[in-house]
Structure formats: structure tokens, C-alpha cells
């Protein structure tokens, strides 16, 4: 879980594109204003795969990963292996920070 949390924290906020297992994904990563909730939504570009999860920081500081209708292992594998495009690199966009705007809800049940 430590590697997952470190990698998630290192991902750029907002929306952008990158690769996972040789396929292109559009990814949105956002956080609540208090930083206690982060949410991830990734969609394979030109495909059908999706990754969706919420990560909560509990009052005692422990993390709680809540995947949206998929195994936690799928979310963890994605976060560990996803590589966002470098600014000016492959793909059409680098991640754009939208973390200061309004929250973007994920299409999942909590």
C-alpha cells in the first residue's frame, strides 16, 4: 500500500493522458478542498477499460481505498504502472491542474 500511496501522490492533478500496459488513457485525478478525499477516473482512449476509485484519509490518518465496482488490485496495478505524458511529449495533452475548481464526481457508488 505504501508504494501505491506514494505513486498516487506523485501523479499530476487534473486531467491528462498517458499510458498503461501499452494503451492510451485519459485520466482525471482530483482532491477535495481539505485533502481528505482523492478520486481517480481513467478511461482507455479508443477502448472500453475504465479505472475508478476514491481514496479517503480517515480521521486517524489511515488511508481507505474504495474502488468503484472493480477489484482494488486493478486500481493499485493501474496507479503503479500508469505513466502520464511529459509536457510537450507524446499524446495530445499533459495533465492540467483543475484541483482548485469545483469537484468532478466519479460515476460510482460510494
PDB file of N, CA and C in Angstrom:
ATOM      1  N   UNK A   1       0.826  -1.202   0.000  1.00  0.00           N
ATOM      2  CA  UNK A   1       0.000   0.000   0.000  1.00  0.00           C
ATOM      3  C   UNK A   1       0.862   1.256   0.000  1.00  0.00           C
ATOM      4  N   UNK A   2       2.045   1.194   0.601  1.00  0.00           N
ATOM      5  CA  UNK A   2       2.921   2.370   0.660  1.00  0.00           C
ATOM      6  C   UNK A   2       3.320   2.813  -0.743  1.00  0.00           C
ATOM      7  N   UNK A   3       3.728   1.873  -1.590  1.00  0.00           N
ATOM      8  CA  UNK A   3       4.127   2.222  -2.959  1.00  0.00           C
ATOM      9  C   UNK A   3       2.956   2.824  -3.727  1.00  0.00           C
ATOM     10  N   UNK A   4       1.762   2.272  -3.534  1.00  0.00           N
ATOM     11  CA  UNK A   4       0.569   2.805  -4.183  1.00  0.00           C
ATOM     12  C   UNK A   4       0.314   4.252  -3.753  1.00  0.00           C
ATOM     13  N   UNK A   5       0.353   4.515  -2.456  1.00  0.00           N
ATOM     14  CA  UNK A   5       0.105   5.868  -1.946  1.00  0.00           C
ATOM     15  C   UNK A   5       1.142   6.858  -2.442  1.00  0.00           C
ATOM     16  N   UNK A   6       2.404   6.447  -2.476  1.00  0.00           N
ATOM     17  CA  UNK A   6       3.468   7.332  -2.974  1.00  0.00           C
ATOM     18  C   UNK A   6       3.272   7.641  -4.447  1.00  0.00           C
ATOM     19  N   UNK A   7       2.949   6.621  -5.229  1.00  0.00           N
ATOM     20  CA  UNK A   7       2.755   6.817  -6.671  1.00  0.00           C
ATOM     21  C   UNK A   7       1.536   7.684  -6.943  1.00  0.00           C
ATOM     22  N   UNK A   8       0.445   7.458  -6.222  1.00  0.00           N
ATOM     23  CA  UNK A   8      -0.752   8.275  -6.393  1.00  0.00           C
ATOM     24  C   UNK A   8      -0.448   9.737  -6.062  1.00  0.00           C
ATOM     25  N   UNK A   9       0.296   9.971  -4.993  1.00  0.00           N
ATOM     26  CA  UNK A   9       0.656  11.338  -4.606  1.00  0.00           C
ATOM     27  C   UNK A   9       1.546  12.009  -5.651  1.00  0.00           C
ATOM     28  N   UNK A  10       2.320  11.216  -6.394  1.00  0.00           N
ATOM     29  CA  UNK A  10       3.227  11.769  -7.400  1.00  0.00           C
ATOM     30  C   UNK A  10       2.536  12.060  -8.732  1.00  0.00           C
ATOM     31  N   UNK A  11       1.343  11.507  -8.942  1.00  0.00           N
ATOM     32  CA  UNK A  11       0.641  11.746 -10.203  1.00  0.00           C
ATOM     33  C   UNK A  11       0.155  13.190 -10.265  1.00  0.00           C
ATOM     34  N   UNK A  12       0.205  13.788 -11.454  1.00  0.00           N
ATOM     35  CA  UNK A  12      -0.250  15.172 -11.574  1.00  0.00           C
ATOM     36  C   UNK A  12      -1.759  15.284 -11.412  1.00  0.00           C
ATOM     37  N   UNK A  13      -2.216  16.316 -10.709  1.00  0.00           N
ATOM     38  CA  UNK A  13      -3.664  16.519 -10.552  1.00  0.00           C
ATOM     39  C   UNK A  13      -4.282  17.035 -11.846  1.00  0.00           C
ATOM     40  N   UNK A  14      -5.582  16.935 -11.919  1.00  0.00           N
ATOM     41  CA  UNK A  14      -6.305  17.434 -13.082  1.00  0.00           C
ATOM     42  C   UNK A  14      -6.515  16.344 -14.108  1.00  0.00           C
ATOM     43  N   UNK A  15      -6.640  16.762 -15.352  1.00  0.00           N
ATOM     44  CA  UNK A  15      -6.897  15.810 -16.433  1.00  0.00           C
ATOM     45  C   UNK A  15      -5.724  15.776 -17.396  1.00  0.00           C
ATOM     46  N   UNK A  16      -5.417  14.588 -17.864  1.00  0.00           N
ATOM     47  CA  UNK A  16      -4.364  14.438 -18.857  1.00  0.00           C
ATOM     48  C   UNK A  16      -4.404  13.057 -19.469  1.00  0.00           C
ATOM     49  N   UNK A  17      -3.369  12.742 -20.217  1.00  0.00           N
ATOM     50  CA  UNK A  17      -3.277  11.455 -20.878  1.00  0.00           C
ATOM     51  C   UNK A  17      -1.949  10.802 -20.560  1.00  0.00           C
ATOM     52  N   UNK A  18      -1.917   9.486 -20.741  1.00  0.00           N
ATOM     53  CA  UNK A  18      -0.703   8.730 -20.519  1.00  0.00           C
ATOM     54  C   UNK A  18      -0.903   7.303 -20.975  1.00  0.00           C
ATOM     55  N   UNK A  19       0.004   6.420 -20.546  1.00  0.00           N
ATOM     56  CA  UNK A  19      -0.062   5.028 -20.979  1.00  0.00           C
ATOM     57  C   UNK A  19      -0.091   4.071 -19.795  1.00  0.00           C
ATOM     58  N   UNK A  20      -0.737   2.942 -20.033  1.00  0.00           N
ATOM     59  CA  UNK A  20      -0.797   1.830 -19.089  1.00  0.00           C
ATOM     60  C   UNK A  20      -0.857   0.566 -19.926  1.00  0.00           C
ATOM     61  N   UNK A  21       0.081  -0.335 -19.687  1.00  0.00           N
ATOM     62  CA  UNK A  21       0.159  -1.603 -20.413  1.00  0.00           C
ATOM     63  C   UNK A  21       0.084  -1.396 -21.925  1.00  0.00           C
ATOM     64  N   UNK A  22       0.787  -0.359 -22.414  1.00  0.00           N
ATOM     65  CA  UNK A  22       0.869  -0.102 -23.842  1.00  0.00           C
ATOM     66  C   UNK A  22      -0.360   0.532 -24.464  1.00  0.00           C
ATOM     67  N   UNK A  23      -1.339   0.900 -23.649  1.00  0.00           N
ATOM     68  CA  UNK A  23      -2.563   1.526 -24.157  1.00  0.00           C
ATOM     69  C   UNK A  23      -2.674   2.944 -23.628  1.00  0.00           C
ATOM     70  N   UNK A  24      -3.344   3.794 -24.384  1.00  0.00           N
ATOM     71  CA  UNK A  24      -3.524   5.197 -24.021  1.00  0.00           C
ATOM     72  C   UNK A  24      -4.759   5.364 -23.138  1.00  0.00           C
ATOM     73  N   UNK A  25      -4.616   6.218 -22.123  1.00  0.00           N
ATOM     74  CA  UNK A  25      -5.712   6.502 -21.197  1.00  0.00           C
ATOM     75  C   UNK A  25      -5.840   8.000 -20.990  1.00  0.00           C
ATOM     76  N   UNK A  26      -7.078   8.450 -20.839  1.00  0.00           N
ATOM     77  CA  UNK A  26      -7.376   9.775 -20.323  1.00  0.00           C
ATOM     78  C   UNK A  26      -7.632   9.612 -18.839  1.00  0.00           C
ATOM     79  N   UNK A  27      -6.979  10.446 -18.026  1.00  0.00           N
ATOM     80  CA  UNK A  27      -7.043  10.281 -16.572  1.00  0.00           C
ATOM     81  C   UNK A  27      -7.394  11.601 -15.907  1.00  0.00           C
ATOM     82  N   UNK A  28      -8.325  11.546 -14.967  1.00  0.00           N
ATOM     83  CA  UNK A  28      -8.642  12.694 -14.131  1.00  0.00           C
ATOM     84  C   UNK A  28      -8.356  12.316 -12.686  1.00  0.00           C
ATOM     85  N   UNK A  29      -7.551  13.140 -12.032  1.00  0.00           N
ATOM     86  CA  UNK A  29      -7.219  12.951 -10.622  1.00  0.00           C
ATOM     87  C   UNK A  29      -7.532  14.262  -9.919  1.00  0.00           C
ATOM     88  N   UNK A  30      -8.351  14.193  -8.893  1.00  0.00           N
ATOM     89  CA  UNK A  30      -8.774  15.404  -8.200  1.00  0.00           C
ATOM     90  C   UNK A  30      -8.779  15.150  -6.704  1.00  0.00           C
ATOM     91  N   UNK A  31      -8.876  16.219  -5.926  1.00  0.00           N
ATOM     92  CA  UNK A  31      -8.883  16.110  -4.467  1.00  0.00           C
ATOM     93  C   UNK A  31      -9.924  17.061  -3.893  1.00  0.00           C
ATOM     94  N   UNK A  32     -10.444  16.685  -2.747  1.00  0.00           N
ATOM     95  CA  UNK A  32     -11.372  17.565  -2.043  1.00  0.00           C
ATOM     96  C   UNK A  32     -10.581  18.753  -1.491  1.00  0.00           C
ATOM     97  N   UNK A  33     -11.246  19.864  -1.222  1.00  0.00           N
ATOM     98  CA  UNK A  33     -10.543  21.041  -0.713  1.00  0.00           C
ATOM     99  C   UNK A  33      -9.740  20.781   0.567  1.00  0.00           C
ATOM    100  N   UNK A  34     -10.217  19.870   1.417  1.00  0.00           N
ATOM    101  CA  UNK A  34      -9.493  19.594   2.661  1.00  0.00           C
ATOM    102  C   UNK A  34      -8.415  18.519   2.486  1.00  0.00           C
ATOM    103  N   UNK A  35      -8.302  17.937   1.280  1.00  0.00           N
ATOM    104  CA  UNK A  35      -7.284  16.945   1.004  1.00  0.00           C
ATOM    105  C   UNK A  35      -7.549  15.562   1.573  1.00  0.00           C
ATOM    106  N   UNK A  36      -8.710  15.357   2.169  1.00  0.00           N
ATOM    107  CA  UNK A  36      -9.001  14.054   2.796  1.00  0.00           C
ATOM    108  C   UNK A  36      -9.606  13.053   1.824  1.00  0.00           C
ATOM    109  N   UNK A  37      -9.964  13.503   0.631  1.00  0.00           N
ATOM    110  CA  UNK A  37     -10.514  12.597  -0.382  1.00  0.00           C
ATOM    111  C   UNK A  37      -9.843  12.888  -1.712  1.00  0.00           C
ATOM    112  N   UNK A  38      -9.355  11.834  -2.356  1.00  0.00           N
ATOM    113  CA  UNK A  38      -8.827  11.939  -3.714  1.00  0.00           C
ATOM    114  C   UNK A  38      -9.615  10.971  -4.559  1.00  0.00           C
ATOM    115  N   UNK A  39      -9.865  11.348  -5.795  1.00  0.00           N
ATOM    116  CA  UNK A  39     -10.563  10.434  -6.669  1.00  0.00           C
ATOM    117  C   UNK A  39      -9.880  10.379  -8.021  1.00  0.00           C
ATOM    118  N   UNK A  40      -9.965   9.188  -8.582  1.00  0.00           N
ATOM    119  CA  UNK A  40      -9.294   8.867  -9.832  1.00  0.00           C
ATOM    120  C   UNK A  40     -10.312   8.276 -10.793  1.00  0.00           C
ATOM    121  N   UNK A  41     -10.302   8.770 -12.014  1.00  0.00           N
ATOM    122  CA  UNK A  41     -11.100   8.178 -13.071  1.00  0.00           C
ATOM    123  C   UNK A  41     -10.226   8.109 -14.308  1.00  0.00           C
ATOM    124  N   UNK A  42     -10.056   6.913 -14.848  1.00  0.00           N
ATOM    125  CA  UNK A  42      -9.251   6.713 -16.048  1.00  0.00           C
ATOM    126  C   UNK A  42     -10.080   5.952 -17.064  1.00  0.00           C
ATOM    127  N   UNK A  43      -9.935   6.344 -18.331  1.00  0.00           N
ATOM    128  CA  UNK A  43     -10.692   5.712 -19.396  1.00  0.00           C
ATOM    129  C   UNK A  43      -9.764   5.435 -20.565  1.00  0.00           C
ATOM    130  N   UNK A  44      -9.758   4.187 -21.014  1.00  0.00           N
ATOM    131  CA  UNK A  44      -8.935   3.817 -22.161  1.00  0.00           C
ATOM    132  C   UNK A  44      -9.431   4.569 -23.393  1.00  0.00           C
ATOM    133  N   UNK A  45      -8.523   5.257 -24.058  1.00  0.00           N
ATOM    134  CA  UNK A  45      -8.881   6.017 -25.251  1.00  0.00           C
ATOM    135  C   UNK A  45      -9.034   5.052 -26.425  1.00  0.00           C
ATOM    136  N   UNK A  46     -10.199   5.024 -27.016  1.00  0.00           N
ATOM    137  CA  UNK A  46     -10.466   4.113 -28.120  1.00  0.00           C
ATOM    138  C   UNK A  46     -10.740   2.691 -27.667  1.00  0.00           C
ATOM    139  N   UNK A  47     -10.953   2.503 -26.366  1.00  0.00           N
ATOM    140  CA  UNK A  47     -11.212   1.170 -25.831  1.00  0.00           C
ATOM    141  C   UNK A  47     -12.347   1.213 -24.824  1.00  0.00           C
ATOM    142  N   UNK A  48     -12.470   0.142 -24.060  1.00  0.00           N
ATOM    143  CA  UNK A  48     -13.593   0.048 -23.125  1.00  0.00           C
ATOM    144  C   UNK A  48     -13.172  -0.010 -21.661  1.00  0.00           C
ATOM    145  N   UNK A  49     -11.882  -0.038 -21.375  1.00  0.00           N
ATOM    146  CA  UNK A  49     -11.431  -0.188 -19.991  1.00  0.00           C
ATOM    147  C   UNK A  49     -11.599   1.111 -19.216  1.00  0.00           C
ATOM    148  N   UNK A  50     -11.965   0.965 -17.945  1.00  0.00           N
ATOM    149  CA  UNK A  50     -12.095   2.116 -17.043  1.00  0.00           C
ATOM    150  C   UNK A  50     -11.533   1.743 -15.682  1.00  0.00           C
ATOM    151  N   UNK A  51     -10.976   2.734 -15.022  1.00  0.00           N
ATOM    152  CA  UNK A  51     -10.466   2.602 -13.659  1.00  0.00           C
ATOM    153  C   UNK A  51     -11.113   3.729 -12.863  1.00  0.00           C
ATOM    154  N   UNK A  52     -11.679   3.404 -11.703  1.00  0.00           N
ATOM    155  CA  UNK A  52     -12.369   4.419 -10.928  1.00  0.00           C
ATOM    156  C   UNK A  52     -12.271   4.073  -9.446  1.00  0.00           C
ATOM    157  N   UNK A  53     -11.876   5.063  -8.650  1.00  0.00           N
ATOM    158  CA  UNK A  53     -11.737   4.814  -7.212  1.00  0.00           C
ATOM    159  C   UNK A  53     -11.713   6.120  -6.444  1.00  0.00           C
ATOM    160  N   UNK A  54     -12.018   5.993  -5.176  1.00  0.00           N
ATOM    161  CA  UNK A  54     -11.887   7.085  -4.204  1.00  0.00           C
ATOM    162  C   UNK A  54     -10.887   6.636  -3.149  1.00  0.00           C
ATOM    163  N   UNK A  55     -10.061   7.552  -2.694  1.00  0.00           N
ATOM    164  CA  UNK A  55      -9.143   7.278  -1.589  1.00  0.00           C
ATOM    165  C   UNK A  55      -9.461   8.285  -0.494  1.00  0.00           C
ATOM    166  N   UNK A  56      -9.812   7.766   0.671  1.00  0.00           N
ATOM    167  CA  UNK A  56     -10.161   8.612   1.810  1.00  0.00           C
ATOM    168  C   UNK A  56      -9.048   8.567   2.842  1.00  0.00           C
ATOM    169  N   UNK A  57      -8.786   9.683   3.489  1.00  0.00           N
ATOM    170  CA  UNK A  57      -7.919   9.730   4.669  1.00  0.00           C
ATOM    171  C   UNK A  57      -8.851   9.795   5.872  1.00  0.00           C
ATOM    172  N   UNK A  58      -8.821   8.745   6.679  1.00  0.00           N
ATOM    173  CA  UNK A  58      -9.690   8.694   7.851  1.00  0.00           C
ATOM    174  C   UNK A  58      -9.195   9.669   8.908  1.00  0.00           C
ATOM    175  N   UNK A  59     -10.009   9.920   9.910  1.00  0.00           N
ATOM    176  CA  UNK A  59      -9.666  10.886  10.957  1.00  0.00           C
ATOM    177  C   UNK A  59      -8.348  10.545  11.644  1.00  0.00           C
ATOM    178  N   UNK A  60      -8.030   9.251  11.740  1.00  0.00           N
ATOM    179  CA  UNK A  60      -6.774   8.855  12.372  1.00  0.00           C
ATOM    180  C   UNK A  60      -5.599   8.838  11.391  1.00  0.00           C
ATOM    181  N   UNK A  61      -5.831   9.264  10.133  1.00  0.00           N
ATOM    182  CA  UNK A  61      -4.767   9.352   9.139  1.00  0.00           C
ATOM    183  C   UNK A  61      -4.619   8.128   8.253  1.00  0.00           C
ATOM    184  N   UNK A  62      -5.288   7.035   8.594  1.00  0.00           N
ATOM    185  CA  UNK A  62      -5.197   5.825   7.770  1.00  0.00           C
ATOM    186  C   UNK A  62      -5.891   6.043   6.428  1.00  0.00           C
ATOM    187  N   UNK A  63      -5.337   5.464   5.343  1.00  0.00           N
ATOM    188  CA  UNK A  63      -5.998   5.548   4.050  1.00  0.00           C
ATOM    189  C   UNK A  63      -7.044   4.452   3.894  1.00  0.00           C
ATOM    190  N   UNK A  64      -8.109   4.756   3.162  1.00  0.00           N
ATOM    191  CA  UNK A  64      -9.143   3.785   2.852  1.00  0.00           C
ATOM    192  C   UNK A  64      -9.426   3.884   1.358  1.00  0.00           C
ATOM    193  N   UNK A  65      -9.061   2.855   0.611  1.00  0.00           N
ATOM    194  CA  UNK A  65      -9.277   2.814  -0.826  1.00  0.00           C
ATOM    195  C   UNK A  65     -10.630   2.183  -1.103  1.00  0.00           C
ATOM    196  N   UNK A  66     -11.462   2.902  -1.852  1.00  0.00           N
ATOM    197  CA  UNK A  66     -12.788   2.417  -2.214  1.00  0.00           C
ATOM    198  C   UNK A  66     -12.900   2.405  -3.747  1.00  0.00           C
ATOM    199  N   UNK A  67     -12.561   1.271  -4.370  1.00  0.00           N
ATOM    200  CA  UNK A  67     -12.717   1.162  -5.826  1.00  0.00           C
ATOM    201  C   UNK A  67     -14.188   1.210  -6.207  1.00  0.00           C
ATOM    202  N   UNK A  68     -14.459   1.614  -7.421  1.00  0.00           N
ATOM    203  CA  UNK A  68     -15.830   1.710  -7.915  1.00  0.00           C
ATOM    204  C   UNK A  68     -16.123   0.520  -8.812  1.00  0.00           C
ATOM    205  N   UNK A  69     -16.803  -0.462  -8.260  1.00  0.00           N
ATOM    206  CA  UNK A  69     -17.270  -1.628  -8.992  1.00  0.00           C
ATOM    207  C   UNK A  69     -16.154  -2.372  -9.719  1.00  0.00           C
ATOM    208  N   UNK A  70     -15.001  -2.513  -9.043  1.00  0.00           N
ATOM    209  CA  UNK A  70     -13.875  -3.273  -9.576  1.00  0.00           C
ATOM    210  C   UNK A  70     -12.986  -3.674  -8.407  1.00  0.00           C
ATOM    211  N   UNK A  71     -12.139  -4.673  -8.590  1.00  0.00           N
ATOM    212  CA  UNK A  71     -11.244  -5.069  -7.507  1.00  0.00           C
ATOM    213  C   UNK A  71     -10.204  -3.993  -7.195  1.00  0.00           C
ATOM    214  N   UNK A  72      -9.851  -3.869  -5.938  1.00  0.00           N
ATOM    215  CA  UNK A  72      -8.817  -2.913  -5.529  1.00  0.00           C
ATOM    216  C   UNK A  72      -7.503  -3.193  -6.244  1.00  0.00           C
ATOM    217  N   UNK A  73      -7.223  -4.461  -6.517  1.00  0.00           N
ATOM    218  CA  UNK A  73      -5.974  -4.830  -7.186  1.00  0.00           C
ATOM    219  C   UNK A  73      -5.857  -4.190  -8.567  1.00  0.00           C
ATOM    220  N   UNK A  74      -6.979  -4.023  -9.254  1.00  0.00           N
ATOM    221  CA  UNK A  74      -6.970  -3.382 -10.574  1.00  0.00           C
ATOM    222  C   UNK A  74      -6.580  -1.913 -10.455  1.00  0.00           C
ATOM    223  N   UNK A  75      -7.105  -1.236  -9.456  1.00  0.00           N
ATOM    224  CA  UNK A  75      -6.787   0.174  -9.234  1.00  0.00           C
ATOM    225  C   UNK A  75      -5.305   0.325  -8.851  1.00  0.00           C
ATOM    226  N   UNK A  76      -4.847  -0.508  -7.950  1.00  0.00           N
ATOM    227  CA  UNK A  76      -3.456  -0.444  -7.498  1.00  0.00           C
ATOM    228  C   UNK A  76      -2.511  -0.699  -8.664  1.00  0.00           C
ATOM    229  N   UNK A  77      -2.786  -1.736  -9.462  1.00  0.00           N
ATOM    230  CA  UNK A  77      -1.933  -2.046 -10.616  1.00  0.00           C
ATOM    231  C   UNK A  77      -1.885  -0.878 -11.590  1.00  0.00           C
ATOM    232  N   UNK A  78      -3.023  -0.233 -11.822  1.00  0.00           N
ATOM    233  CA  UNK A  78      -3.065   0.906 -12.734  1.00  0.00           C
ATOM    234  C   UNK A  78      -2.200   2.046 -12.209  1.00  0.00           C
ATOM    235  N   UNK A  79      -2.399   2.425 -10.966  1.00  0.00           N
ATOM    236  CA  UNK A  79      -1.658   3.559 -10.397  1.00  0.00           C
ATOM    237  C   UNK A  79      -0.154   3.293 -10.423  1.00  0.00           C
ATOM    238  N   UNK A  80       0.249   2.076 -10.102  1.00  0.00           N
ATOM    239  CA  UNK A  80       1.683   1.763 -10.067  1.00  0.00           C
ATOM    240  C   UNK A  80       2.322   1.771 -11.451  1.00  0.00           C
ATOM    241  N   UNK A  81       1.570   1.408 -12.488  1.00  0.00           N
ATOM    242  CA  UNK A  81       2.165   1.284 -13.819  1.00  0.00           C
ATOM    243  C   UNK A  81       1.810   2.412 -14.786  1.00  0.00           C
ATOM    244  N   UNK A  82       0.845   3.244 -14.467  1.00  0.00           N
ATOM    245  CA  UNK A  82       0.445   4.347 -15.353  1.00  0.00           C
ATOM    246  C   UNK A  82       1.573   5.359 -15.468  1.00  0.00           C
ATOM    247  N   UNK A  83       1.819   5.806 -16.684  1.00  0.00           N
ATOM    248  CA  UNK A  83       2.838   6.822 -16.940  1.00  0.00           C
ATOM    249  C   UNK A  83       2.212   7.998 -17.674  1.00  0.00           C
ATOM    250  N   UNK A  84       2.062   9.141 -16.984  1.00  0.00           N
ATOM    251  CA  UNK A  84       1.490  10.315 -17.649  1.00  0.00           C
ATOM    252  C   UNK A  84       2.448  10.849 -18.705  1.00  0.00           C
ATOM    253  N   UNK A  85       1.873  11.452 -19.740  1.00  0.00           N
ATOM    254  CA  UNK A  85       2.686  12.098 -20.769  1.00  0.00           C
ATOM    255  C   UNK A  85       3.486  13.237 -20.148  1.00  0.00           C
ATOM    256  N   UNK A  86       4.705  13.387 -20.607  1.00  0.00           N
ATOM    257  CA  UNK A  86       5.516  14.533 -20.189  1.00  0.00           C
ATOM    258  C   UNK A  86       5.005  15.768 -20.929  1.00  0.00           C
ATOM    259  N   UNK A  87       5.085  16.942 -20.316  1.00  0.00           N
ATOM    260  CA  UNK A  87       4.665  18.153 -21.033  1.00  0.00           C
ATOM    261  C   UNK A  87       5.414  18.253 -22.363  1.00  0.00           C
ATOM    262  N   UNK A  88       4.660  18.440 -23.439  1.00  0.00           N
ATOM    263  CA  UNK A  88       5.255  18.539 -24.762  1.00  0.00           C
ATOM    264  C   UNK A  88       5.641  17.199 -25.357  1.00  0.00           C
ATOM    265  N   UNK A  89       5.295  16.097 -24.659  1.00  0.00           N
ATOM    266  CA  UNK A  89       5.663  14.766 -25.127  1.00  0.00           C
ATOM    267  C   UNK A  89       4.566  14.123 -25.935  1.00  0.00           C
ATOM    268  N   UNK A  90       4.575  12.776 -25.963  1.00  0.00           N
ATOM    269  CA  UNK A  90       3.607  12.005 -26.732  1.00  0.00           C
ATOM    270  C   UNK A  90       2.193  12.317 -26.270  1.00  0.00           C
ATOM    271  N   UNK A  91       1.255  12.208 -27.191  1.00  0.00           N
ATOM    272  CA  UNK A  91      -0.148  12.409 -26.853  1.00  0.00           C
ATOM    273  C   UNK A  91      -0.575  13.833 -27.102  1.00  0.00           C
ATOM    274  N   UNK A  92      -1.822  14.102 -26.777  1.00  0.00           N
ATOM    275  CA  UNK A  92      -2.386  15.403 -27.106  1.00  0.00           C
ATOM    276  C   UNK A  92      -2.374  16.383 -25.951  1.00  0.00           C
ATOM    277  N   UNK A  93      -2.169  15.886 -24.723  1.00  0.00           N
ATOM    278  CA  UNK A  93      -2.213  16.829 -23.618  1.00  0.00           C
ATOM    279  C   UNK A  93      -1.436  16.318 -22.420  1.00  0.00           C
ATOM    280  N   UNK A  94      -0.817  17.237 -21.735  1.00  0.00           N
ATOM    281  CA  UNK A  94      -0.248  16.923 -20.427  1.00  0.00           C
ATOM    282  C   UNK A  94      -1.336  17.174 -19.404  1.00  0.00           C
ATOM    283  N   UNK A  95      -1.136  16.736 -18.194  1.00  0.00           N
ATOM    284  CA  UNK A  95      -2.145  16.947 -17.156  1.00  0.00           C
ATOM    285  C   UNK A  95      -2.303  18.431 -16.882  1.00  0.00           C
ATOM    286  N   UNK A  96      -3.553  18.866 -16.811  1.00  0.00           N
ATOM    287  CA  UNK A  96      -3.877  20.250 -16.496  1.00  0.00           C
ATOM    288  C   UNK A  96      -4.447  20.281 -15.086  1.00  0.00           C
ATOM    289  N   UNK A  97      -3.890  21.121 -14.239  1.00  0.00           N
ATOM    290  CA  UNK A  97      -4.344  21.175 -12.849  1.00  0.00           C
ATOM    291  C   UNK A  97      -5.704  21.823 -12.769  1.00  0.00           C
ATOM    292  N   UNK A  98      -6.682  21.035 -12.306  1.00  0.00           N
ATOM    293  CA  UNK A  98      -8.037  21.542 -12.088  1.00  0.00           C
ATOM    294  C   UNK A  98      -8.416  21.384 -10.628  1.00  0.00           C
ATOM    295  N   UNK A  99      -7.424  21.166  -9.776  1.00  0.00           N
ATOM    296  CA  UNK A  99      -7.718  20.852  -8.385  1.00  0.00           C
ATOM    297  C   UNK A  99      -8.332  22.018  -7.621  1.00  0.00           C
ATOM    298  N   UNK A 100      -8.174  23.224  -8.102  1.00  0.00           N
ATOM    299  CA  UNK A 100      -8.739  24.359  -7.379  1.00  0.00           C
ATOM    300  C   UNK A 100     -10.165  24.666  -7.819  1.00  0.00           C
ATOM    301  N   UNK A 101     -10.658  23.967  -8.848  1.00  0.00           N
ATOM    302  CA  UNK A 101     -12.004  24.203  -9.324  1.00  0.00           C
ATOM    303  C   UNK A 101     -13.015  23.383  -8.558  1.00  0.00           C
ATOM    304  N   UNK A 102     -14.206  23.291  -9.122  1.00  0.00           N
ATOM    305  CA  UNK A 102     -15.241  22.506  -8.455  1.00  0.00           C
ATOM    306  C   UNK A 102     -14.935  21.021  -8.579  1.00  0.00           C
ATOM    307  N   UNK A 103     -15.504  20.263  -7.673  1.00  0.00           N
ATOM    308  CA  UNK A 103     -15.259  18.829  -7.665  1.00  0.00           C
ATOM    309  C   UNK A 103     -15.883  18.166  -8.883  1.00  0.00           C
ATOM    310  N   UNK A 104     -15.197  17.154  -9.417  1.00  0.00           N
ATOM    311  CA  UNK A 104     -15.706  16.374 -10.532  1.00  0.00           C
ATOM    312  C   UNK A 104     -16.132  15.030  -9.950  1.00  0.00           C
ATOM    313  N   UNK A 105     -17.437  14.758  -9.898  1.00  0.00           N
ATOM    314  CA  UNK A 105     -17.864  13.490  -9.295  1.00  0.00           C
ATOM    315  C   UNK A 105     -17.525  12.311 -10.179  1.00  0.00           C
ATOM    316  N   UNK A 106     -17.238  11.202  -9.539  1.00  0.00           N
ATOM    317  CA  UNK A 106     -16.977   9.963 -10.263  1.00  0.00           C
ATOM    318  C   UNK A 106     -18.273   9.194 -10.437  1.00  0.00           C
ATOM    319  N   UNK A 107     -18.373   8.469 -11.545  1.00  0.00           N
ATOM    320  CA  UNK A 107     -19.586   7.693 -11.786  1.00  0.00           C
ATOM    321  C   UNK A 107     -19.535   6.362 -11.034  1.00  0.00           C
ATOM    322  N   UNK A 108     -19.600   6.406  -9.715  1.00  0.00           N
ATOM    323  CA  UNK A 108     -19.610   5.165  -8.940  1.00  0.00           C
ATOM    324  C   UNK A 108     -20.368   5.381  -7.648  1.00  0.00           C
ATOM    325  N   UNK A 109     -20.709   4.267  -7.046  1.00  0.00           N
ATOM    326  CA  UNK A 109     -21.394   4.322  -5.759  1.00  0.00           C
ATOM    327  C   UNK A 109     -20.357   4.349  -4.660  1.00  0.00           C
ATOM    328  N   UNK A 110     -20.605   5.106  -3.630  1.00  0.00           N
ATOM    329  CA  UNK A 110     -19.657   5.160  -2.500  1.00  0.00           C
ATOM    330  C   UNK A 110     -20.148   4.300  -1.375  1.00  0.00           C
TER     331      UNK A 110
END
